[in-house]
Amino acid sequence: MTCPLAGSVFKVVTSVGASVQEGDTLMILEAMKMETPITAPCAGTVKSVDVAQGQTVNEGQVLCTLG
């Protein structure tokens, strides 16, 4: 999963090893004073979480990996 817009990670909801379904919220980004949920594009297992709460992220940056 890559970041759709620049902002900061408001909250990480998932963790490595978690099973997720399509549409499950993985994390919440804050950009322009709006909270944007980042959801799983498909069912799978979280292989890595590459960002931390409070971290500034750029558009296109890898947020997490599903497998």
N, C-alpha and C. Protein backbone atom coordinates (compact mmCIF):
# COMPACT_ATOMS: atom_id res chain seq x y z
N MET A 1 0.84 -1.17 0.00
CA MET A 1 0.00 0.00 0.00
C MET A 1 0.89 1.24 0.00
N THR A 2 0.56 2.17 -0.87
CA THR A 2 1.30 3.42 -0.90
C THR A 2 0.41 4.56 -0.44
N CYS A 3 1.04 5.62 -0.04
CA CYS A 3 0.33 6.78 0.50
C CYS A 3 -0.33 7.56 -0.64
N PRO A 4 -1.63 7.84 -0.54
CA PRO A 4 -2.31 8.56 -1.61
C PRO A 4 -2.09 10.08 -1.57
N LEU A 5 -1.67 10.62 -0.41
CA LEU A 5 -1.45 12.04 -0.27
C LEU A 5 -0.46 12.32 0.86
N ALA A 6 0.20 13.45 0.78
CA ALA A 6 1.15 13.82 1.83
C ALA A 6 0.39 14.22 3.09
N GLY A 7 0.97 13.89 4.24
CA GLY A 7 0.34 14.22 5.51
C GLY A 7 1.11 13.57 6.64
N SER A 8 0.40 13.23 7.70
CA SER A 8 1.04 12.53 8.82
C SER A 8 0.16 11.36 9.24
N VAL A 9 0.80 10.36 9.82
CA VAL A 9 0.08 9.18 10.27
C VAL A 9 -0.58 9.52 11.61
N PHE A 10 -1.90 9.58 11.61
CA PHE A 10 -2.65 9.93 12.81
C PHE A 10 -2.75 8.72 13.74
N LYS A 11 -3.03 7.55 13.16
CA LYS A 11 -3.19 6.34 13.97
C LYS A 11 -2.94 5.11 13.11
N VAL A 12 -2.19 4.15 13.64
CA VAL A 12 -2.00 2.85 12.98
C VAL A 12 -2.94 1.88 13.67
N VAL A 13 -3.85 1.29 12.90
CA VAL A 13 -4.88 0.42 13.46
C VAL A 13 -4.49 -1.05 13.39
N THR A 14 -3.64 -1.41 12.45
CA THR A 14 -3.29 -2.82 12.22
C THR A 14 -1.89 -3.12 12.75
N SER A 15 -1.52 -4.39 12.69
CA SER A 15 -0.18 -4.80 13.11
C SER A 15 0.28 -5.96 12.23
N VAL A 16 1.57 -6.21 12.24
CA VAL A 16 2.15 -7.30 11.44
C VAL A 16 1.52 -8.63 11.87
N GLY A 17 1.14 -9.42 10.89
CA GLY A 17 0.53 -10.72 11.15
C GLY A 17 -0.98 -10.71 11.21
N ALA A 18 -1.58 -9.53 11.22
CA ALA A 18 -3.04 -9.42 11.30
C ALA A 18 -3.67 -9.85 9.98
N SER A 19 -4.77 -10.57 10.07
CA SER A 19 -5.55 -10.92 8.88
C SER A 19 -6.55 -9.80 8.65
N VAL A 20 -6.62 -9.33 7.41
CA VAL A 20 -7.54 -8.24 7.08
C VAL A 20 -8.41 -8.63 5.90
N GLN A 21 -9.57 -8.04 5.85
CA GLN A 21 -10.50 -8.23 4.74
C GLN A 21 -10.50 -6.96 3.88
N GLU A 22 -10.91 -7.09 2.64
CA GLU A 22 -11.01 -5.93 1.77
C GLU A 22 -11.87 -4.85 2.43
N GLY A 23 -11.37 -3.63 2.49
CA GLY A 23 -12.11 -2.53 3.08
C GLY A 23 -11.80 -2.27 4.55
N ASP A 24 -11.08 -3.18 5.22
CA ASP A 24 -10.71 -2.96 6.62
C ASP A 24 -9.77 -1.76 6.72
N THR A 25 -9.94 -0.94 7.75
CA THR A 25 -9.07 0.20 7.96
C THR A 25 -7.73 -0.28 8.51
N LEU A 26 -6.65 0.15 7.85
CA LEU A 26 -5.30 -0.22 8.27
C LEU A 26 -4.66 0.90 9.09
N MET A 27 -4.91 2.13 8.69
CA MET A 27 -4.38 3.29 9.40
C MET A 27 -5.18 4.51 9.00
N ILE A 28 -4.95 5.60 9.72
CA ILE A 28 -5.64 6.86 9.43
C ILE A 28 -4.58 7.93 9.22
N LEU A 29 -4.68 8.63 8.09
CA LEU A 29 -3.77 9.73 7.80
C LEU A 29 -4.46 11.04 8.10
N GLU A 30 -3.67 12.04 8.48
CA GLU A 30 -4.20 13.38 8.69
C GLU A 30 -3.52 14.29 7.68
N ALA A 31 -4.33 14.94 6.86
CA ALA A 31 -3.82 15.87 5.87
C ALA A 31 -4.82 17.01 5.73
N MET A 32 -4.32 18.23 5.72
CA MET A 32 -5.18 19.41 5.60
C MET A 32 -6.30 19.41 6.64
N LYS A 33 -5.97 18.99 7.85
CA LYS A 33 -6.90 18.95 8.99
C LYS A 33 -8.07 18.00 8.77
N MET A 34 -7.89 17.03 7.87
CA MET A 34 -8.91 16.00 7.64
C MET A 34 -8.30 14.65 7.91
N GLU A 35 -9.08 13.74 8.48
CA GLU A 35 -8.63 12.38 8.74
C GLU A 35 -9.10 11.49 7.60
N THR A 36 -8.15 10.78 6.97
CA THR A 36 -8.45 9.93 5.83
C THR A 36 -8.10 8.49 6.16
N PRO A 37 -9.10 7.59 6.19
CA PRO A 37 -8.79 6.18 6.46
C PRO A 37 -8.10 5.54 5.25
N ILE A 38 -7.09 4.73 5.53
CA ILE A 38 -6.41 3.94 4.51
C ILE A 38 -6.90 2.52 4.69
N THR A 39 -7.55 1.99 3.68
CA THR A 39 -8.19 0.68 3.79
C THR A 39 -7.49 -0.37 2.94
N ALA A 40 -7.68 -1.61 3.30
CA ALA A 40 -7.09 -2.74 2.57
C ALA A 40 -7.77 -2.88 1.20
N PRO A 41 -6.98 -2.94 0.13
CA PRO A 41 -7.57 -3.09 -1.20
C PRO A 41 -8.04 -4.52 -1.48
N CYS A 42 -7.57 -5.47 -0.65
CA CYS A 42 -7.95 -6.87 -0.82
C CYS A 42 -7.74 -7.59 0.52
N ALA A 43 -8.26 -8.80 0.61
CA ALA A 43 -8.05 -9.60 1.82
C ALA A 43 -6.62 -10.12 1.83
N GLY A 44 -6.07 -10.31 3.01
CA GLY A 44 -4.72 -10.84 3.13
C GLY A 44 -4.19 -10.73 4.54
N THR A 45 -2.88 -10.87 4.66
CA THR A 45 -2.19 -10.77 5.94
C THR A 45 -1.22 -9.61 5.88
N VAL A 46 -1.15 -8.83 6.94
CA VAL A 46 -0.23 -7.70 7.00
C VAL A 46 1.19 -8.25 7.17
N LYS A 47 2.03 -8.03 6.17
CA LYS A 47 3.42 -8.51 6.20
C LYS A 47 4.36 -7.51 6.85
N SER A 48 4.09 -6.21 6.66
CA SER A 48 4.91 -5.18 7.31
C SER A 48 4.11 -3.89 7.46
N VAL A 49 4.43 -3.15 8.50
CA VAL A 49 3.91 -1.79 8.70
C VAL A 49 5.14 -0.90 8.66
N ASP A 50 5.23 -0.07 7.64
CA ASP A 50 6.45 0.68 7.37
C ASP A 50 6.46 2.11 7.89
N VAL A 51 5.43 2.50 8.63
CA VAL A 51 5.35 3.84 9.19
C VAL A 51 4.90 3.75 10.65
N ALA A 52 5.10 4.83 11.38
CA ALA A 52 4.70 4.87 12.80
C ALA A 52 3.76 6.04 13.03
N GLN A 53 2.98 5.95 14.08
CA GLN A 53 2.07 7.02 14.45
C GLN A 53 2.86 8.31 14.63
N GLY A 54 2.36 9.40 14.06
CA GLY A 54 3.01 10.71 14.17
C GLY A 54 4.01 10.99 13.06
N GLN A 55 4.36 9.98 12.28
CA GLN A 55 5.35 10.15 11.22
C GLN A 55 4.77 10.93 10.05
N THR A 56 5.57 11.83 9.47
CA THR A 56 5.19 12.55 8.27
C THR A 56 5.45 11.65 7.07
N VAL A 57 4.49 11.58 6.15
CA VAL A 57 4.61 10.73 4.97
C VAL A 57 4.37 11.54 3.71
N ASN A 58 4.95 11.06 2.61
CA ASN A 58 4.81 11.72 1.32
C ASN A 58 3.97 10.86 0.38
N GLU A 59 3.36 11.50 -0.59
CA GLU A 59 2.58 10.79 -1.60
C GLU A 59 3.46 9.74 -2.27
N GLY A 60 2.96 8.51 -2.38
CA GLY A 60 3.69 7.43 -3.01
C GLY A 60 4.56 6.62 -2.08
N GLN A 61 4.73 7.07 -0.83
CA GLN A 61 5.56 6.34 0.14
C GLN A 61 4.84 5.05 0.56
N VAL A 62 5.60 3.97 0.75
CA VAL A 62 5.03 2.69 1.18
C VAL A 62 4.59 2.81 2.64
N LEU A 63 3.33 2.47 2.89
CA LEU A 63 2.77 2.52 4.25
C LEU A 63 2.81 1.15 4.91
N CYS A 64 2.39 0.13 4.17
CA CYS A 64 2.40 -1.24 4.67
C CYS A 64 2.35 -2.20 3.50
N THR A 65 2.65 -3.46 3.79
CA THR A 65 2.66 -4.49 2.77
C THR A 65 1.68 -5.60 3.17
N LEU A 66 0.84 -5.99 2.23
CA LEU A 66 -0.08 -7.11 2.46
C LEU A 66 0.38 -8.30 1.62
N GLY A 67 0.11 -9.49 2.14
CA GLY A 67 0.50 -10.68 1.39
C GLY A 67 -0.59 -11.70 1.38
